[in-house]
């Protein structure tokens, strides 16, 4: 399973939020970004519950004001990273 999470946070808190997200299991990538959202997170898991748990942990981090979670649908012909193939 693969999910992308886009986050908004209180201005100036991006670095602290990213440091907290990096500590979480199942997070394979986290970056600050420019545009409508402030932070991009990539999460992988063996079962749907892994994604649910990671999303809940991320959403509970102080300073996050909004999240948008998008779960990948492999049957539509997308690609699967080596990290997800494990």
C-alpha atoms as a PDB file:
ATOM      1  CA  UNK A   1       0.000   0.000   0.000  1.00  0.00           C
ATOM      2  CA  UNK A   2       1.167   3.490  -0.809  1.00  0.00           C
ATOM      3  CA  UNK A   3      -0.224   6.860   0.228  1.00  0.00           C
ATOM      4  CA  UNK A   4       0.765  10.448  -0.340  1.00  0.00           C
ATOM      5  CA  UNK A   5      -0.114  12.987   2.332  1.00  0.00           C
ATOM      6  CA  UNK A   6      -0.136  16.729   1.728  1.00  0.00           C
ATOM      7  CA  UNK A   7      -0.015  18.957   4.796  1.00  0.00           C
ATOM      8  CA  UNK A   8      -0.501  22.564   5.784  1.00  0.00           C
ATOM      9  CA  UNK A   9       0.955  23.814   9.012  1.00  0.00           C
ATOM     10  CA  UNK A  10       1.280  26.971  11.061  1.00  0.00           C
ATOM     11  CA  UNK A  11       3.776  29.234   9.251  1.00  0.00           C
ATOM     12  CA  UNK A  12       7.276  28.817  10.659  1.00  0.00           C
ATOM     13  CA  UNK A  13       6.588  25.319  12.052  1.00  0.00           C
ATOM     14  CA  UNK A  14       7.532  23.389   8.906  1.00  0.00           C
ATOM     15  CA  UNK A  15      10.977  22.252  10.088  1.00  0.00           C
ATOM     16  CA  UNK A  16       9.675  21.040  13.466  1.00  0.00           C
ATOM     17  CA  UNK A  17       6.784  19.182  11.814  1.00  0.00           C
ATOM     18  CA  UNK A  18       9.141  17.530   9.302  1.00  0.00           C
ATOM     19  CA  UNK A  19      11.484  16.416  12.096  1.00  0.00           C
ATOM     20  CA  UNK A  20       8.568  14.768  13.925  1.00  0.00           C
ATOM     21  CA  UNK A  21       7.292  13.062  10.779  1.00  0.00           C
ATOM     22  CA  UNK A  22      10.771  11.639  10.029  1.00  0.00           C
ATOM     23  CA  UNK A  23      10.608   9.704  13.312  1.00  0.00           C
ATOM     24  CA  UNK A  24       7.516   7.740  12.276  1.00  0.00           C
ATOM     25  CA  UNK A  25       7.688   4.204  10.923  1.00  0.00           C
ATOM     26  CA  UNK A  26       6.237   3.665   7.441  1.00  0.00           C
ATOM     27  CA  UNK A  27       7.266   7.194   6.332  1.00  0.00           C
ATOM     28  CA  UNK A  28       9.698   6.795   3.426  1.00  0.00           C
ATOM     29  CA  UNK A  29       9.874  10.410   2.261  1.00  0.00           C
ATOM     30  CA  UNK A  30       9.048  13.829   3.671  1.00  0.00           C
ATOM     31  CA  UNK A  31       9.810  17.193   2.083  1.00  0.00           C
ATOM     32  CA  UNK A  32       8.880  20.813   2.448  1.00  0.00           C
ATOM     33  CA  UNK A  33       7.207  22.075  -0.711  1.00  0.00           C
ATOM     34  CA  UNK A  34       5.979  25.363  -2.168  1.00  0.00           C
ATOM     35  CA  UNK A  35       2.433  25.988  -3.306  1.00  0.00           C
ATOM     36  CA  UNK A  36      -0.969  25.235  -1.829  1.00  0.00           C
ATOM     37  CA  UNK A  37       0.558  22.755   0.637  1.00  0.00           C
ATOM     38  CA  UNK A  38       3.613  23.054   2.894  1.00  0.00           C
ATOM     39  CA  UNK A  39       4.766  19.445   3.316  1.00  0.00           C
ATOM     40  CA  UNK A  40       4.700  16.272   1.178  1.00  0.00           C
ATOM     41  CA  UNK A  41       4.819  12.862   2.882  1.00  0.00           C
ATOM     42  CA  UNK A  42       5.088   9.419   1.277  1.00  0.00           C
ATOM     43  CA  UNK A  43       3.945   6.466   3.392  1.00  0.00           C
ATOM     44  CA  UNK A  44       4.148   2.745   2.623  1.00  0.00           C
ATOM     45  CA  UNK A  45       2.573  -0.166   4.457  1.00  0.00           C
ATOM     46  CA  UNK A  46       1.850  -3.852   4.217  1.00  0.00           C
ATOM     47  CA  UNK A  47      -1.850  -3.507   5.076  1.00  0.00           C
ATOM     48  CA  UNK A  48      -4.404  -0.666   5.016  1.00  0.00           C
ATOM     49  CA  UNK A  49      -4.100  -0.356   8.786  1.00  0.00           C
ATOM     50  CA  UNK A  50      -0.470   0.731   8.397  1.00  0.00           C
ATOM     51  CA  UNK A  51      -1.557   3.708   6.313  1.00  0.00           C
ATOM     52  CA  UNK A  52      -4.395   4.533   8.718  1.00  0.00           C
ATOM     53  CA  UNK A  53      -2.044   4.441  11.715  1.00  0.00           C
ATOM     54  CA  UNK A  54       0.608   6.597  10.025  1.00  0.00           C
ATOM     55  CA  UNK A  55      -1.998   9.121   8.890  1.00  0.00           C
ATOM     56  CA  UNK A  56      -3.466   9.382  12.387  1.00  0.00           C
ATOM     57  CA  UNK A  57      -0.003   9.864  13.923  1.00  0.00           C
ATOM     58  CA  UNK A  58       0.887  12.543  11.388  1.00  0.00           C
ATOM     59  CA  UNK A  59      -2.401  14.391  11.871  1.00  0.00           C
ATOM     60  CA  UNK A  60      -1.821  14.499  15.636  1.00  0.00           C
ATOM     61  CA  UNK A  61       1.491  16.397  15.314  1.00  0.00           C
ATOM     62  CA  UNK A  62       1.326  19.863  16.837  1.00  0.00           C
ATOM     63  CA  UNK A  63       1.410  22.608  14.221  1.00  0.00           C
ATOM     64  CA  UNK A  64      -0.440  20.784  11.437  1.00  0.00           C
ATOM     65  CA  UNK A  65      -3.602  22.603  10.418  1.00  0.00           C
ATOM     66  CA  UNK A  66      -4.822  20.552   7.423  1.00  0.00           C
ATOM     67  CA  UNK A  67      -4.094  17.238   5.724  1.00  0.00           C
ATOM     68  CA  UNK A  68      -5.035  15.583   2.451  1.00  0.00           C
ATOM     69  CA  UNK A  69      -4.352  11.843   2.187  1.00  0.00           C
ATOM     70  CA  UNK A  70      -4.308  10.148  -1.205  1.00  0.00           C
ATOM     71  CA  UNK A  71      -4.002   6.363  -1.429  1.00  0.00           C
ATOM     72  CA  UNK A  72      -2.472   4.969  -4.633  1.00  0.00           C
ATOM     73  CA  UNK A  73      -4.607   2.713  -6.852  1.00  0.00           C
ATOM     74  CA  UNK A  74      -2.278   0.250  -8.544  1.00  0.00           C
ATOM     75  CA  UNK A  75      -4.919  -1.304 -10.798  1.00  0.00           C
ATOM     76  CA  UNK A  76      -5.095   1.878 -12.866  1.00  0.00           C
ATOM     77  CA  UNK A  77      -1.682   1.232 -14.404  1.00  0.00           C
ATOM     78  CA  UNK A  78       0.593   3.311 -12.177  1.00  0.00           C
ATOM     79  CA  UNK A  79       4.070   2.321 -11.084  1.00  0.00           C
ATOM     80  CA  UNK A  80       5.202   0.740  -7.827  1.00  0.00           C
ATOM     81  CA  UNK A  81       8.492   1.865  -6.255  1.00  0.00           C
ATOM     82  CA  UNK A  82      11.033  -0.672  -5.035  1.00  0.00           C
ATOM     83  CA  UNK A  83      10.162   0.435  -1.477  1.00  0.00           C
ATOM     84  CA  UNK A  84       6.571  -0.706  -1.928  1.00  0.00           C
ATOM     85  CA  UNK A  85       7.555  -4.017  -3.558  1.00  0.00           C
ATOM     86  CA  UNK A  86       9.244  -5.230  -0.331  1.00  0.00           C
END
